[in-house]
Amino acid sequence: MWSKLKKLRKRRGYSCKQVAEILHISDNTYRRYEQKPLTIRADKLAMLANLYNVSINELLGDALNDV
């Protein structure tokens, strides 16, 4: 999931700072979302899925298979 976040962000033309502002989190927190496994609140996952126009399941992808 983590590398997928970065790919989706770049595909949409957003900077880390822009996505962080949309999610109402610090840009450092968003950067950590892209770099390593980190617990992401459900509301933030929903916002990311909406922003990138993908389902939460698609966003989580491999993370669901690891459970």
PDB file of N, CA and C in Angstrom:
ATOM      1  N   MET A   1       0.818  -1.202   0.000  1.00  0.00           N
ATOM      2  CA  MET A   1       0.000   0.000   0.000  1.00  0.00           C
ATOM      3  C   MET A   1       0.857   1.258   0.000  1.00  0.00           C
ATOM      4  N   TRP A   2       1.956   1.208   0.719  1.00  0.00           N
ATOM      5  CA  TRP A   2       2.725   2.432   0.954  1.00  0.00           C
ATOM      6  C   TRP A   2       3.293   2.993  -0.351  1.00  0.00           C
ATOM      7  N   SER A   3       3.857   2.131  -1.176  1.00  0.00           N
ATOM      8  CA  SER A   3       4.381   2.626  -2.455  1.00  0.00           C
ATOM      9  C   SER A   3       3.228   3.021  -3.377  1.00  0.00           C
ATOM     10  N   LYS A   4       2.080   2.378  -3.212  1.00  0.00           N
ATOM     11  CA  LYS A   4       0.913   2.709  -4.025  1.00  0.00           C
ATOM     12  C   LYS A   4       0.450   4.141  -3.740  1.00  0.00           C
ATOM     13  N   LEU A   5       0.526   4.564  -2.492  1.00  0.00           N
ATOM     14  CA  LEU A   5       0.140   5.933  -2.146  1.00  0.00           C
ATOM     15  C   LEU A   5       0.988   6.939  -2.912  1.00  0.00           C
ATOM     16  N   LYS A   6       2.268   6.690  -2.970  1.00  0.00           N
ATOM     17  CA  LYS A   6       3.166   7.607  -3.667  1.00  0.00           C
ATOM     18  C   LYS A   6       2.867   7.638  -5.160  1.00  0.00           C
ATOM     19  N   LYS A   7       2.647   6.463  -5.745  1.00  0.00           N
ATOM     20  CA  LYS A   7       2.336   6.392  -7.178  1.00  0.00           C
ATOM     21  C   LYS A   7       1.035   7.132  -7.492  1.00  0.00           C
ATOM     22  N   LEU A   8       0.017   6.914  -6.682  1.00  0.00           N
ATOM     23  CA  LEU A   8      -1.264   7.583  -6.898  1.00  0.00           C
ATOM     24  C   LEU A   8      -1.131   9.094  -6.748  1.00  0.00           C
ATOM     25  N   ARG A   9      -0.378   9.519  -5.740  1.00  0.00           N
ATOM     26  CA  ARG A   9      -0.189  10.953  -5.519  1.00  0.00           C
ATOM     27  C   ARG A   9       0.502  11.597  -6.714  1.00  0.00           C
ATOM     28  N   LYS A  10       1.568  10.960  -7.179  1.00  0.00           N
ATOM     29  CA  LYS A  10       2.306  11.522  -8.312  1.00  0.00           C
ATOM     30  C   LYS A  10       1.467  11.506  -9.587  1.00  0.00           C
ATOM     31  N   ARG A  11       0.699  10.432  -9.785  1.00  0.00           N
ATOM     32  CA  ARG A  11      -0.160  10.338 -10.964  1.00  0.00           C
ATOM     33  C   ARG A  11      -1.179  11.471 -11.001  1.00  0.00           C
ATOM     34  N   ARG A  12      -1.653  11.883  -9.827  1.00  0.00           N
ATOM     35  CA  ARG A  12      -2.638  12.964  -9.730  1.00  0.00           C
ATOM     36  C   ARG A  12      -1.989  14.346  -9.694  1.00  0.00           C
ATOM     37  N   GLY A  13      -0.660  14.379  -9.596  1.00  0.00           N
ATOM     38  CA  GLY A  13       0.042  15.655  -9.629  1.00  0.00           C
ATOM     39  C   GLY A  13       0.064  16.421  -8.319  1.00  0.00           C
ATOM     40  N   TYR A  14      -0.124  15.719  -7.211  1.00  0.00           N
ATOM     41  CA  TYR A  14      -0.113  16.361  -5.900  1.00  0.00           C
ATOM     42  C   TYR A  14       1.269  16.273  -5.268  1.00  0.00           C
ATOM     43  N   SER A  15       1.601  17.263  -4.446  1.00  0.00           N
ATOM     44  CA  SER A  15       2.784  17.183  -3.598  1.00  0.00           C
ATOM     45  C   SER A  15       2.365  16.549  -2.271  1.00  0.00           C
ATOM     46  N   CYS A  16       3.345  16.096  -1.494  1.00  0.00           N
ATOM     47  CA  CYS A  16       3.032  15.562  -0.161  1.00  0.00           C
ATOM     48  C   CYS A  16       2.330  16.620   0.680  1.00  0.00           C
ATOM     49  N   LYS A  17       2.809  17.844   0.575  1.00  0.00           N
ATOM     50  CA  LYS A  17       2.220  18.926   1.362  1.00  0.00           C
ATOM     51  C   LYS A  17       0.758  19.164   0.990  1.00  0.00           C
ATOM     52  N   GLN A  18       0.442  19.106  -0.300  1.00  0.00           N
ATOM     53  CA  GLN A  18      -0.943  19.321  -0.725  1.00  0.00           C
ATOM     54  C   GLN A  18      -1.864  18.232  -0.178  1.00  0.00           C
ATOM     55  N   VAL A  19      -1.430  16.978  -0.264  1.00  0.00           N
ATOM     56  CA  VAL A  19      -2.254  15.881   0.252  1.00  0.00           C
ATOM     57  C   VAL A  19      -2.401  16.008   1.762  1.00  0.00           C
ATOM     58  N   ALA A  20      -1.326  16.344   2.441  1.00  0.00           N
ATOM     59  CA  ALA A  20      -1.384  16.515   3.893  1.00  0.00           C
ATOM     60  C   ALA A  20      -2.398  17.590   4.274  1.00  0.00           C
ATOM     61  N   GLU A  21      -2.412  18.682   3.530  1.00  0.00           N
ATOM     62  CA  GLU A  21      -3.372  19.747   3.817  1.00  0.00           C
ATOM     63  C   GLU A  21      -4.806  19.265   3.604  1.00  0.00           C
ATOM     64  N   ILE A  22      -5.031  18.486   2.566  1.00  0.00           N
ATOM     65  CA  ILE A  22      -6.372  17.947   2.296  1.00  0.00           C
ATOM     66  C   ILE A  22      -6.818  17.028   3.435  1.00  0.00           C
ATOM     67  N   LEU A  23      -5.864  16.245   3.967  1.00  0.00           N
ATOM     68  CA  LEU A  23      -6.168  15.297   5.047  1.00  0.00           C
ATOM     69  C   LEU A  23      -6.149  15.945   6.430  1.00  0.00           C
ATOM     70  N   HIS A  24      -5.719  17.208   6.501  1.00  0.00           N
ATOM     71  CA  HIS A  24      -5.600  17.917   7.777  1.00  0.00           C
ATOM     72  C   HIS A  24      -4.602  17.230   8.707  1.00  0.00           C
ATOM     73  N   ILE A  25      -3.445  16.871   8.129  1.00  0.00           N
ATOM     74  CA  ILE A  25      -2.345  16.283   8.893  1.00  0.00           C
ATOM     75  C   ILE A  25      -1.065  17.005   8.474  1.00  0.00           C
ATOM     76  N   SER A  26       0.011  16.756   9.207  1.00  0.00           N
ATOM     77  CA  SER A  26       1.281  17.389   8.834  1.00  0.00           C
ATOM     78  C   SER A  26       1.860  16.683   7.615  1.00  0.00           C
ATOM     79  N   ASP A  27       2.682  17.408   6.860  1.00  0.00           N
ATOM     80  CA  ASP A  27       3.291  16.779   5.693  1.00  0.00           C
ATOM     81  C   ASP A  27       4.254  15.681   6.115  1.00  0.00           C
ATOM     82  N   ASN A  28       4.863  15.791   7.295  1.00  0.00           N
ATOM     83  CA  ASN A  28       5.729  14.712   7.792  1.00  0.00           C
ATOM     84  C   ASN A  28       4.941  13.436   8.037  1.00  0.00           C
ATOM     85  N   THR A  29       3.743  13.569   8.581  1.00  0.00           N
ATOM     86  CA  THR A  29       2.900  12.392   8.795  1.00  0.00           C
ATOM     87  C   THR A  29       2.546  11.752   7.470  1.00  0.00           C
ATOM     88  N   TYR A  30       2.171  12.562   6.482  1.00  0.00           N
ATOM     89  CA  TYR A  30       1.840  11.971   5.190  1.00  0.00           C
ATOM     90  C   TYR A  30       3.048  11.292   4.566  1.00  0.00           C
ATOM     91  N   ARG A  31       4.204  11.895   4.680  1.00  0.00           N
ATOM     92  CA  ARG A  31       5.419  11.260   4.134  1.00  0.00           C
ATOM     93  C   ARG A  31       5.645   9.896   4.770  1.00  0.00           C
ATOM     94  N   ARG A  32       5.370   9.791   6.070  1.00  0.00           N
ATOM     95  CA  ARG A  32       5.518   8.491   6.747  1.00  0.00           C
ATOM     96  C   ARG A  32       4.506   7.486   6.207  1.00  0.00           C
ATOM     97  N   TYR A  33       3.304   7.947   5.841  1.00  0.00           N
ATOM     98  CA  TYR A  33       2.317   7.051   5.230  1.00  0.00           C
ATOM     99  C   TYR A  33       2.908   6.397   3.993  1.00  0.00           C
ATOM    100  N   GLU A  34       3.682   7.130   3.218  1.00  0.00           N
ATOM    101  CA  GLU A  34       4.245   6.615   1.972  1.00  0.00           C
ATOM    102  C   GLU A  34       5.495   5.775   2.185  1.00  0.00           C
ATOM    103  N   GLN A  35       6.155   5.920   3.323  1.00  0.00           N
ATOM    104  CA  GLN A  35       7.455   5.297   3.513  1.00  0.00           C
ATOM    105  C   GLN A  35       7.434   3.971   4.250  1.00  0.00           C
ATOM    106  N   LYS A  36       6.503   3.773   5.144  1.00  0.00           N
ATOM    107  CA  LYS A  36       6.536   2.557   5.958  1.00  0.00           C
ATOM    108  C   LYS A  36       5.145   2.243   6.492  1.00  0.00           C
ATOM    109  N   PRO A  37       4.976   1.002   6.913  1.00  0.00           N
ATOM    110  CA  PRO A  37       3.689   0.643   7.512  1.00  0.00           C
ATOM    111  C   PRO A  37       3.390   1.532   8.715  1.00  0.00           C
ATOM    112  N   LEU A  38       2.253   2.131   8.673  1.00  0.00           N
ATOM    113  CA  LEU A  38       1.829   3.041   9.719  1.00  0.00           C
ATOM    114  C   LEU A  38       0.316   2.923   9.803  1.00  0.00           C
ATOM    115  N   THR A  39      -0.201   2.925  10.992  1.00  0.00           N
ATOM    116  CA  THR A  39      -1.645   2.860  11.143  1.00  0.00           C
ATOM    117  C   THR A  39      -2.261   4.152  10.619  1.00  0.00           C
ATOM    118  N   ILE A  40      -3.174   4.002   9.681  1.00  0.00           N
ATOM    119  CA  ILE A  40      -3.869   5.145   9.115  1.00  0.00           C
ATOM    120  C   ILE A  40      -5.325   5.062   9.542  1.00  0.00           C
ATOM    121  N   ARG A  41      -5.827   6.131  10.126  1.00  0.00           N
ATOM    122  CA  ARG A  41      -7.217   6.131  10.589  1.00  0.00           C
ATOM    123  C   ARG A  41      -8.163   5.893   9.422  1.00  0.00           C
ATOM    124  N   ALA A  42      -9.280   5.273   9.715  1.00  0.00           N
ATOM    125  CA  ALA A  42     -10.267   4.932   8.687  1.00  0.00           C
ATOM    126  C   ALA A  42     -10.754   6.159   7.932  1.00  0.00           C
ATOM    127  N   ASP A  43     -10.958   7.268   8.643  1.00  0.00           N
ATOM    128  CA  ASP A  43     -11.438   8.467   7.961  1.00  0.00           C
ATOM    129  C   ASP A  43     -10.392   9.004   6.979  1.00  0.00           C
ATOM    130  N   LYS A  44      -9.110   8.862   7.309  1.00  0.00           N
ATOM    131  CA  LYS A  44      -8.049   9.304   6.406  1.00  0.00           C
ATOM    132  C   LYS A  44      -7.945   8.366   5.200  1.00  0.00           C
ATOM    133  N   LEU A  45      -8.143   7.059   5.422  1.00  0.00           N
ATOM    134  CA  LEU A  45      -8.163   6.119   4.297  1.00  0.00           C
ATOM    135  C   LEU A  45      -9.293   6.457   3.337  1.00  0.00           C
ATOM    136  N   ALA A  46     -10.449   6.773   3.888  1.00  0.00           N
ATOM    137  CA  ALA A  46     -11.593   7.131   3.048  1.00  0.00           C
ATOM    138  C   ALA A  46     -11.303   8.405   2.261  1.00  0.00           C
ATOM    139  N   MET A  47     -10.673   9.370   2.893  1.00  0.00           N
ATOM    140  CA  MET A  47     -10.334  10.617   2.205  1.00  0.00           C
ATOM    141  C   MET A  47      -9.325  10.363   1.085  1.00  0.00           C
ATOM    142  N   LEU A  48      -8.328   9.512   1.358  1.00  0.00           N
ATOM    143  CA  LEU A  48      -7.330   9.180   0.331  1.00  0.00           C
ATOM    144  C   LEU A  48      -7.979   8.459  -0.843  1.00  0.00           C
ATOM    145  N   ALA A  49      -8.835   7.494  -0.539  1.00  0.00           N
ATOM    146  CA  ALA A  49      -9.515   6.759  -1.608  1.00  0.00           C
ATOM    147  C   ALA A  49     -10.346   7.706  -2.466  1.00  0.00           C
ATOM    148  N   ASN A  50     -11.035   8.619  -1.827  1.00  0.00           N
ATOM    149  CA  ASN A  50     -11.836   9.597  -2.557  1.00  0.00           C
ATOM    150  C   ASN A  50     -10.952  10.526  -3.395  1.00  0.00           C
ATOM    151  N   LEU A  51      -9.881  11.008  -2.807  1.00  0.00           N
ATOM    152  CA  LEU A  51      -8.963  11.908  -3.502  1.00  0.00           C
ATOM    153  C   LEU A  51      -8.371  11.261  -4.747  1.00  0.00           C
ATOM    154  N   TYR A  52      -7.980   9.987  -4.618  1.00  0.00           N
ATOM    155  CA  TYR A  52      -7.335   9.283  -5.728  1.00  0.00           C
ATOM    156  C   TYR A  52      -8.327   8.518  -6.602  1.00  0.00           C
ATOM    157  N   ASN A  53      -9.617   8.612  -6.252  1.00  0.00           N
ATOM    158  CA  ASN A  53     -10.679   7.973  -7.033  1.00  0.00           C
ATOM    159  C   ASN A  53     -10.485   6.463  -7.154  1.00  0.00           C
ATOM    160  N   VAL A  54     -10.190   5.833  -6.026  1.00  0.00           N
ATOM    161  CA  VAL A  54     -10.048   4.379  -5.951  1.00  0.00           C
ATOM    162  C   VAL A  54     -10.835   3.894  -4.738  1.00  0.00           C
ATOM    163  N   SER A  55     -11.103   2.605  -4.674  1.00  0.00           N
ATOM    164  CA  SER A  55     -11.778   2.046  -3.502  1.00  0.00           C
ATOM    165  C   SER A  55     -10.757   1.885  -2.370  1.00  0.00           C
ATOM    166  N   ILE A  56     -11.266   1.790  -1.156  1.00  0.00           N
ATOM    167  CA  ILE A  56     -10.372   1.541  -0.019  1.00  0.00           C
ATOM    168  C   ILE A  56      -9.686   0.190  -0.205  1.00  0.00           C
ATOM    169  N   ASN A  57     -10.424  -0.810  -0.693  1.00  0.00           N
ATOM    170  CA  ASN A  57      -9.813  -2.119  -0.941  1.00  0.00           C
ATOM    171  C   ASN A  57      -8.675  -2.023  -1.943  1.00  0.00           C
ATOM    172  N   GLU A  58      -8.877  -1.246  -3.003  1.00  0.00           N
ATOM    173  CA  GLU A  58      -7.823  -1.067  -3.993  1.00  0.00           C
ATOM    174  C   GLU A  58      -6.630  -0.325  -3.391  1.00  0.00           C
ATOM    175  N   LEU A  59      -6.926   0.644  -2.555  1.00  0.00           N
ATOM    176  CA  LEU A  59      -5.873   1.410  -1.905  1.00  0.00           C
ATOM    177  C   LEU A  59      -5.043   0.527  -0.982  1.00  0.00           C
ATOM    178  N   LEU A  60      -5.708  -0.331  -0.229  1.00  0.00           N
ATOM    179  CA  LEU A  60      -4.991  -1.222   0.690  1.00  0.00           C
ATOM    180  C   LEU A  60      -4.270  -2.344  -0.035  1.00  0.00           C
ATOM    181  N   GLY A  61      -4.867  -2.826  -1.107  1.00  0.00           N
ATOM    182  CA  GLY A  61      -4.236  -3.841  -1.941  1.00  0.00           C
ATOM    183  C   GLY A  61      -3.527  -4.942  -1.184  1.00  0.00           C
ATOM    184  N   ASP A  62      -2.210  -4.971  -1.284  1.00  0.00           N
ATOM    185  CA  ASP A  62      -1.386  -6.011  -0.683  1.00  0.00           C
ATOM    186  C   ASP A  62      -1.511  -6.064   0.833  1.00  0.00           C
ATOM    187  N   ALA A  63      -1.809  -4.946   1.450  1.00  0.00           N
ATOM    188  CA  ALA A  63      -1.931  -4.923   2.915  1.00  0.00           C
ATOM    189  C   ALA A  63      -3.046  -5.850   3.376  1.00  0.00           C
ATOM    190  N   LEU A  64      -4.119  -5.979   2.577  1.00  0.00           N
ATOM    191  CA  LEU A  64      -5.205  -6.896   2.937  1.00  0.00           C
ATOM    192  C   LEU A  64      -4.766  -8.347   2.805  1.00  0.00           C
ATOM    193  N   ASN A  65      -3.900  -8.633   1.862  1.00  0.00           N
ATOM    194  CA  ASN A  65      -3.427 -10.009   1.670  1.00  0.00           C
ATOM    195  C   ASN A  65      -2.492 -10.452   2.779  1.00  0.00           C
ATOM    196  N   ASP A  66      -1.865  -9.501   3.473  1.00  0.00           N
ATOM    197  CA  ASP A  66      -0.922  -9.828   4.533  1.00  0.00           C
ATOM    198  C   ASP A  66      -1.606 -10.137   5.842  1.00  0.00           C
ATOM    199  N   VAL A  67      -2.919  -9.892   5.938  1.00  0.00           N
ATOM    200  CA  VAL A  67      -3.662 -10.116   7.189  1.00  0.00           C
ATOM    201  C   VAL A  67      -3.992 -11.571   7.343  1.00  0.00           C
TER     202      VAL A  67
END
